[in-house]
N, C-alpha and C. Protein backbone atom coordinates (compact mmCIF):
# COMPACT_ATOMS: atom_id res chain seq x y z
N UNK A 1 289.17 161.42 9.06
CA UNK A 1 288.92 161.44 10.59
C UNK A 1 287.58 160.93 10.48
N UNK A 2 287.40 160.13 11.48
CA UNK A 2 285.95 159.37 12.00
C UNK A 2 285.31 160.76 12.52
N UNK A 3 284.10 160.98 12.18
CA UNK A 3 283.10 161.59 13.30
C UNK A 3 281.48 160.97 13.27
N UNK A 4 281.03 160.93 14.71
CA UNK A 4 279.77 160.57 14.12
C UNK A 4 278.78 162.16 14.05
N UNK A 5 277.59 161.51 13.95
CA UNK A 5 276.66 162.26 13.32
C UNK A 5 275.21 161.92 13.93
N UNK A 6 274.83 162.71 14.80
CA UNK A 6 273.26 162.22 15.34
C UNK A 6 272.25 163.13 14.65
N UNK A 7 270.68 162.08 14.87
CA UNK A 7 269.74 162.88 14.68
C UNK A 7 268.56 161.72 15.27
N UNK A 8 267.65 162.54 15.20
CA UNK A 8 266.45 161.70 15.90
C UNK A 8 264.77 162.22 15.08
N UNK A 9 264.11 161.82 15.05
CA UNK A 9 262.98 162.15 14.39
C UNK A 9 261.52 161.27 14.94
N UNK A 10 260.59 161.77 15.12
CA UNK A 10 259.41 161.06 15.57
C UNK A 10 258.56 160.60 14.60
N UNK A 11 257.20 159.83 15.03
CA UNK A 11 256.31 159.43 13.97
C UNK A 11 255.09 159.60 14.73
N UNK A 12 254.00 159.81 14.19
CA UNK A 12 252.58 160.26 15.05
C UNK A 12 252.21 158.66 15.54
N UNK A 13 252.13 157.97 14.86
CA UNK A 13 251.69 156.66 15.19
C UNK A 13 252.69 155.43 14.45
N UNK A 14 252.90 154.13 15.13
CA UNK A 14 253.53 153.15 14.41
C UNK A 14 253.04 152.54 13.47
N UNK A 15 253.44 153.13 12.03
CA UNK A 15 252.83 152.93 10.75
C UNK A 15 253.82 152.82 9.85
N UNK A 16 253.72 151.63 8.83
CA UNK A 16 254.97 151.15 8.68
C UNK A 16 255.53 152.32 7.56
N UNK A 17 254.75 152.70 6.85
CA UNK A 17 255.24 153.86 5.74
C UNK A 17 255.72 155.07 6.62
N UNK A 18 254.67 155.35 7.73
CA UNK A 18 255.46 156.78 8.34
C UNK A 18 256.72 156.75 8.79
N UNK A 19 257.26 155.40 9.44
CA UNK A 19 258.31 155.05 9.73
C UNK A 19 259.64 155.28 8.54
N UNK A 20 259.33 154.71 7.47
CA UNK A 20 260.29 154.54 6.14
C UNK A 20 260.37 156.32 6.25
N UNK A 21 259.71 156.65 5.62
CA UNK A 21 259.38 158.21 5.31
C UNK A 21 260.00 158.97 6.55
N UNK A 22 259.75 159.18 7.41
CA UNK A 22 260.32 159.77 8.55
C UNK A 22 261.73 159.33 8.43
N UNK A 23 262.49 158.06 8.04
CA UNK A 23 263.65 157.78 8.27
C UNK A 23 264.39 158.54 7.25
N UNK A 24 263.90 158.27 6.01
CA UNK A 24 264.77 158.59 4.88
C UNK A 24 264.99 159.96 4.79
N UNK A 25 263.52 160.86 5.41
CA UNK A 25 264.02 162.48 5.37
C UNK A 25 264.76 162.63 6.60
N UNK A 26 265.01 162.18 7.56
CA UNK A 26 266.57 162.40 8.48
C UNK A 26 267.55 161.99 7.84
N UNK A 27 267.37 160.85 7.52
CA UNK A 27 269.12 160.39 7.50
C UNK A 27 269.62 161.35 5.60
N UNK A 28 268.57 161.64 5.23
CA UNK A 28 269.06 162.27 3.95
C UNK A 28 269.05 164.33 4.27
N UNK A 29 268.71 164.33 5.33
CA UNK A 29 268.90 165.69 5.28
C UNK A 29 270.07 165.77 6.46
N UNK A 30 270.13 164.77 7.17
CA UNK A 30 271.66 164.47 7.98
C UNK A 30 273.04 164.89 6.95
N UNK A 31 272.37 163.70 5.94
CA UNK A 31 273.94 163.74 5.30
C UNK A 31 274.05 164.93 4.29
N UNK A 32 272.84 165.78 3.72
CA UNK A 32 273.22 166.99 2.71
C UNK A 32 273.72 168.03 4.17
N UNK A 33 272.79 168.25 4.99
CA UNK A 33 273.49 169.24 6.08
C UNK A 33 275.22 169.17 6.53
N UNK A 34 275.60 167.74 6.27
CA UNK A 34 277.01 167.53 6.29
C UNK A 34 277.75 167.50 5.10
N UNK A 35 276.81 167.95 4.36
CA UNK A 35 277.92 167.42 3.26
C UNK A 35 278.67 166.04 2.69
N UNK A 36 277.98 165.17 2.90
CA UNK A 36 278.30 163.57 3.10
C UNK A 36 277.57 162.91 2.07
N UNK A 37 278.61 162.36 1.21
CA UNK A 37 278.33 161.26 0.09
C UNK A 37 278.10 159.40 0.75
N UNK A 38 277.30 158.92 0.05
CA UNK A 38 277.55 157.63 0.81
C UNK A 38 278.51 156.69 0.88
N UNK A 39 279.79 157.28 0.03
CA UNK A 39 281.23 156.56 0.13
C UNK A 39 281.77 157.16 1.37
N UNK A 40 281.25 157.98 1.90
CA UNK A 40 282.04 158.70 2.96
C UNK A 40 281.55 157.85 4.48
N UNK A 41 280.25 157.35 4.07
CA UNK A 41 279.41 156.62 5.06
C UNK A 41 280.18 155.55 5.99
N UNK A 42 280.45 155.31 7.08
CA UNK A 42 281.24 154.09 7.37
C UNK A 42 279.79 152.94 7.77
N UNK A 43 279.44 153.58 8.73
CA UNK A 43 278.14 152.55 9.31
C UNK A 43 276.78 153.65 9.75
N UNK A 44 275.63 153.09 10.02
CA UNK A 44 274.85 153.66 10.36
C UNK A 44 273.92 152.98 11.67
N UNK A 45 273.59 153.49 12.35
CA UNK A 45 273.03 152.64 13.80
C UNK A 45 271.53 153.37 14.23
N UNK A 46 270.56 152.93 13.53
CA UNK A 46 269.16 153.08 13.93
C UNK A 46 268.63 152.47 15.17
N UNK A 47 268.28 153.20 16.04
CA UNK A 47 267.40 152.52 17.07
C UNK A 47 265.80 153.30 17.30
N UNK A 48 265.06 152.77 17.68
CA UNK A 48 263.85 153.01 17.78
C UNK A 48 263.21 152.81 19.26
N UNK A 49 262.05 153.77 19.22
CA UNK A 49 261.53 153.03 20.96
C UNK A 49 260.98 151.72 21.05
N UNK A 50 260.49 151.13 21.68
CA UNK A 50 260.03 149.91 21.73
C UNK A 50 258.26 150.03 20.62
N UNK A 51 257.70 151.06 20.89
CA UNK A 51 256.85 150.96 20.79
C UNK A 51 256.69 151.31 18.99
N UNK A 52 257.60 151.26 18.47
CA UNK A 52 257.61 151.04 17.19
C UNK A 52 258.34 149.69 16.50
N UNK A 53 257.05 149.18 15.68
CA UNK A 53 257.57 147.45 15.46
C UNK A 53 257.09 147.55 14.15
N UNK A 54 256.56 148.03 13.42
CA UNK A 54 255.99 147.74 11.92
C UNK A 54 256.55 147.99 10.78
N UNK A 55 258.15 148.40 11.30
CA UNK A 55 258.95 148.52 9.87
C UNK A 55 260.25 148.69 10.11
N UNK A 56 261.08 148.11 9.48
CA UNK A 56 262.89 148.10 9.75
C UNK A 56 263.18 149.60 9.30
N UNK A 57 263.65 150.68 9.91
CA UNK A 57 264.11 151.75 9.51
C UNK A 57 264.84 151.44 8.29
N UNK A 58 265.58 150.71 8.56
CA UNK A 58 267.05 150.19 7.75
C UNK A 58 266.80 150.10 6.03
N UNK A 59 265.39 149.83 6.04
CA UNK A 59 264.87 149.68 4.78
C UNK A 59 264.85 150.60 3.82
N UNK A 60 264.78 152.10 4.91
CA UNK A 60 264.61 153.21 4.13
C UNK A 60 265.78 153.69 3.72
N UNK A 61 266.82 153.36 4.29
CA UNK A 61 267.97 153.73 4.06
C UNK A 61 268.63 153.34 3.22
N UNK A 62 268.70 152.05 3.12
CA UNK A 62 269.02 151.09 1.92
C UNK A 62 268.05 151.54 0.61
N UNK A 63 267.20 151.94 0.88
CA UNK A 63 266.59 152.48 -0.62
C UNK A 63 267.13 153.92 -1.14
N UNK A 64 267.81 154.74 -0.62
CA UNK A 64 268.02 155.95 -1.11
C UNK A 64 268.81 155.78 -2.08
N UNK A 65 268.74 156.24 -3.10
CA UNK A 65 269.69 156.44 -4.45
C UNK A 65 271.14 156.41 -4.16
N UNK A 66 272.07 155.62 -4.15
CA UNK A 66 273.60 155.58 -4.11
C UNK A 66 273.74 154.94 -2.67
N UNK A 67 272.82 154.47 -1.59
CA UNK A 67 273.14 153.87 -0.55
C UNK A 67 273.02 152.63 -0.08
N UNK A 68 272.72 151.59 -1.41
CA UNK A 68 272.85 150.06 -0.77
C UNK A 68 273.72 149.32 -0.19
N UNK A 69 274.87 150.24 -0.73
CA UNK A 69 276.04 149.48 0.52
C UNK A 69 276.37 149.87 1.76
N UNK A 70 275.76 150.97 1.77
CA UNK A 70 276.01 151.05 3.49
C UNK A 70 275.65 150.41 4.28
N UNK A 71 276.55 150.10 5.11
CA UNK A 71 276.11 148.92 6.15
C UNK A 71 275.20 149.85 7.45
N UNK A 72 273.98 149.14 7.48
CA UNK A 72 272.89 149.79 8.47
C UNK A 72 272.22 148.85 9.28
N UNK A 73 272.29 149.02 10.51
CA UNK A 73 271.43 148.25 11.51
C UNK A 73 270.89 149.05 12.20
N UNK A 74 270.03 147.80 12.40
CA UNK A 74 268.46 148.81 13.72
C UNK A 74 268.64 147.68 15.14
N UNK A 75 268.48 148.74 15.93
CA UNK A 75 268.04 148.17 17.25
C UNK A 75 267.34 148.53 17.94
N UNK A 76 266.79 148.59 19.28
CA UNK A 76 265.59 149.11 20.41
C UNK A 76 266.58 149.71 21.39
N UNK A 77 265.61 151.06 21.30
CA UNK A 77 266.42 151.81 22.74
C UNK A 77 266.01 151.28 23.44
N UNK A 78 266.46 152.09 25.08
CA UNK A 78 266.51 151.55 26.08
C UNK A 78 264.83 151.77 26.41
N UNK A 79 264.09 150.87 27.40
CA UNK A 79 262.88 151.51 27.44
C UNK A 79 262.74 151.91 28.96
N UNK A 80 263.47 153.06 28.96
CA UNK A 80 263.36 154.17 30.11
C UNK A 80 261.89 154.91 30.20
N UNK A 81 261.66 154.62 31.53
CA UNK A 81 260.12 155.54 31.77
C UNK A 81 259.78 156.86 31.86
N UNK A 82 259.01 157.39 31.05
CA UNK A 82 259.27 158.57 30.81
C UNK A 82 260.07 159.06 29.29
N UNK A 83 260.59 158.12 28.89
CA UNK A 83 260.95 158.28 27.24
C UNK A 83 260.15 158.69 26.21
N UNK A 84 260.78 159.55 25.25
CA UNK A 84 259.95 160.07 24.43
C UNK A 84 259.25 159.17 23.52
N UNK A 85 257.69 158.74 23.26
CA UNK A 85 257.91 157.44 22.61
C UNK A 85 257.53 158.19 21.11
N UNK A 86 257.49 156.93 20.30
CA UNK A 86 257.53 156.67 18.61
C UNK A 86 258.70 157.82 18.34
N UNK A 87 260.12 157.56 18.84
CA UNK A 87 260.76 158.31 18.32
C UNK A 87 262.15 157.30 17.43
N UNK A 88 262.97 157.53 16.55
CA UNK A 88 263.60 156.87 15.82
C UNK A 88 265.22 157.76 15.83
N UNK A 89 265.93 157.48 16.30
CA UNK A 89 267.51 158.09 16.68
C UNK A 89 268.16 157.03 15.41
N UNK A 90 269.29 157.96 14.96
CA UNK A 90 270.52 157.59 14.21
C UNK A 90 271.51 158.19 14.34
N UNK A 91 272.43 157.18 14.24
CA UNK A 91 273.84 157.57 14.54
C UNK A 91 274.66 157.09 13.43
N UNK A 92 275.18 158.22 12.51
CA UNK A 92 275.77 157.91 11.42
C UNK A 92 277.46 158.00 11.58
N UNK A 93 278.22 157.20 11.37
CA UNK A 93 279.94 156.83 11.07
C UNK A 93 280.24 157.66 10.03
N UNK A 94 281.13 158.61 9.80
CA UNK A 94 281.11 159.10 8.40
C UNK A 94 283.03 159.37 8.94
N UNK A 95 283.30 159.37 7.58
CA UNK A 95 284.97 160.11 7.15
C UNK A 95 284.46 161.35 6.76
N UNK A 96 285.29 162.30 7.44
CA UNK A 96 284.95 163.78 7.32
C UNK A 96 286.36 164.56 7.54
N UNK A 97 286.51 165.77 6.96
CA UNK A 97 287.38 167.20 7.54
C UNK A 97 286.59 167.95 8.43
N UNK A 98 285.37 167.85 8.50
CA UNK A 98 284.48 168.63 9.26
C UNK A 98 284.93 168.71 11.10
N UNK A 99 285.32 169.91 11.38
CA UNK A 99 285.42 169.76 13.04
C UNK A 99 284.28 169.11 14.04
N UNK A 100 284.36 168.72 14.86
CA UNK A 100 283.53 168.25 15.46
C UNK A 100 282.44 169.17 16.01
N UNK A 101 282.97 170.51 16.04
CA UNK A 101 282.17 171.44 17.00
C UNK A 101 281.28 172.07 15.61
N UNK A 102 281.51 171.36 14.49
CA UNK A 102 281.06 172.22 13.25
C UNK A 102 279.86 171.08 12.51
N UNK A 103 279.65 169.76 13.22
CA UNK A 103 278.78 168.88 12.56
C UNK A 103 277.91 169.29 12.96
N UNK A 104 276.49 169.07 11.75
CA UNK A 104 275.23 169.34 11.93
C UNK A 104 274.54 168.22 12.66
N UNK A 105 274.09 168.29 13.72
CA UNK A 105 273.16 167.15 14.35
C UNK A 105 271.58 167.80 14.04
N UNK A 106 270.90 166.47 13.66
CA UNK A 106 269.83 167.03 13.25
C UNK A 106 268.47 166.45 14.14
N UNK A 107 267.30 167.08 14.24
CA UNK A 107 266.81 166.57 15.21
C UNK A 107 265.34 167.31 14.97
N UNK A 108 264.01 166.07 14.41
CA UNK A 108 263.10 166.69 13.70
C UNK A 108 261.52 165.91 14.27
N UNK A 109 260.53 167.04 14.12
CA UNK A 109 259.47 166.50 15.23
C UNK A 109 259.39 166.99 16.30
N UNK A 110 258.80 165.65 16.72
CA UNK A 110 259.06 166.19 18.58
C UNK A 110 260.03 165.66 19.30
N UNK A 111 261.28 165.11 18.16
CA UNK A 111 262.93 164.86 18.98
C UNK A 111 263.42 165.96 19.29
N UNK A 112 262.74 167.20 18.49
CA UNK A 112 263.66 168.47 18.73
C UNK A 112 263.87 168.43 20.21
N UNK A 113 262.69 167.92 21.13
CA UNK A 113 262.73 168.26 22.40
C UNK A 113 263.91 167.34 23.22
N UNK A 114 264.63 166.44 22.29
CA UNK A 114 265.89 166.21 23.02
C UNK A 114 266.59 166.42 23.30
N UNK A 115 267.50 167.55 22.11
CA UNK A 115 268.41 168.27 22.40
C UNK A 115 268.37 169.83 21.74
N UNK A 116 267.52 170.51 22.40
CA UNK A 116 267.22 171.99 22.30
C UNK A 116 268.67 172.62 22.26
N UNK A 117 269.91 172.25 22.86
CA UNK A 117 271.31 172.99 22.58
C UNK A 117 271.84 172.79 21.62
N UNK A 118 271.37 172.04 20.63
CA UNK A 118 272.02 171.89 19.12
C UNK A 118 271.19 172.38 17.90
N UNK A 119 269.98 172.61 18.39
CA UNK A 119 269.26 173.43 17.72
C UNK A 119 269.48 174.72 17.03
N UNK A 120 269.82 175.37 15.71
CA UNK A 120 270.07 176.37 14.66
C UNK A 120 269.15 176.93 14.81
């Protein structure tokens, strides 16, 4: 079965190292929480708010041990007035037997405000 795993995080400033570290931490924790191995992953789509320009978050994903061949794509989020700044969002498509209601979606840093209904 194919499922979508969602996650988001924020950085304090648009700094390349911060973007890469935050992205790797989020993606790694999403996979761990849902017991997902790289071979289970169909693709990963990462969006950033337009104020993040210092690094491609996909670089962080491809650098995770065993993730070299996971298809990853970056894009910018819609520029909506009042949107959370400095935000990195992830949508991971995976093969899993986990029920939709049991998927662990992860929100870190200020991004916890995006989906308080999914916080555990």
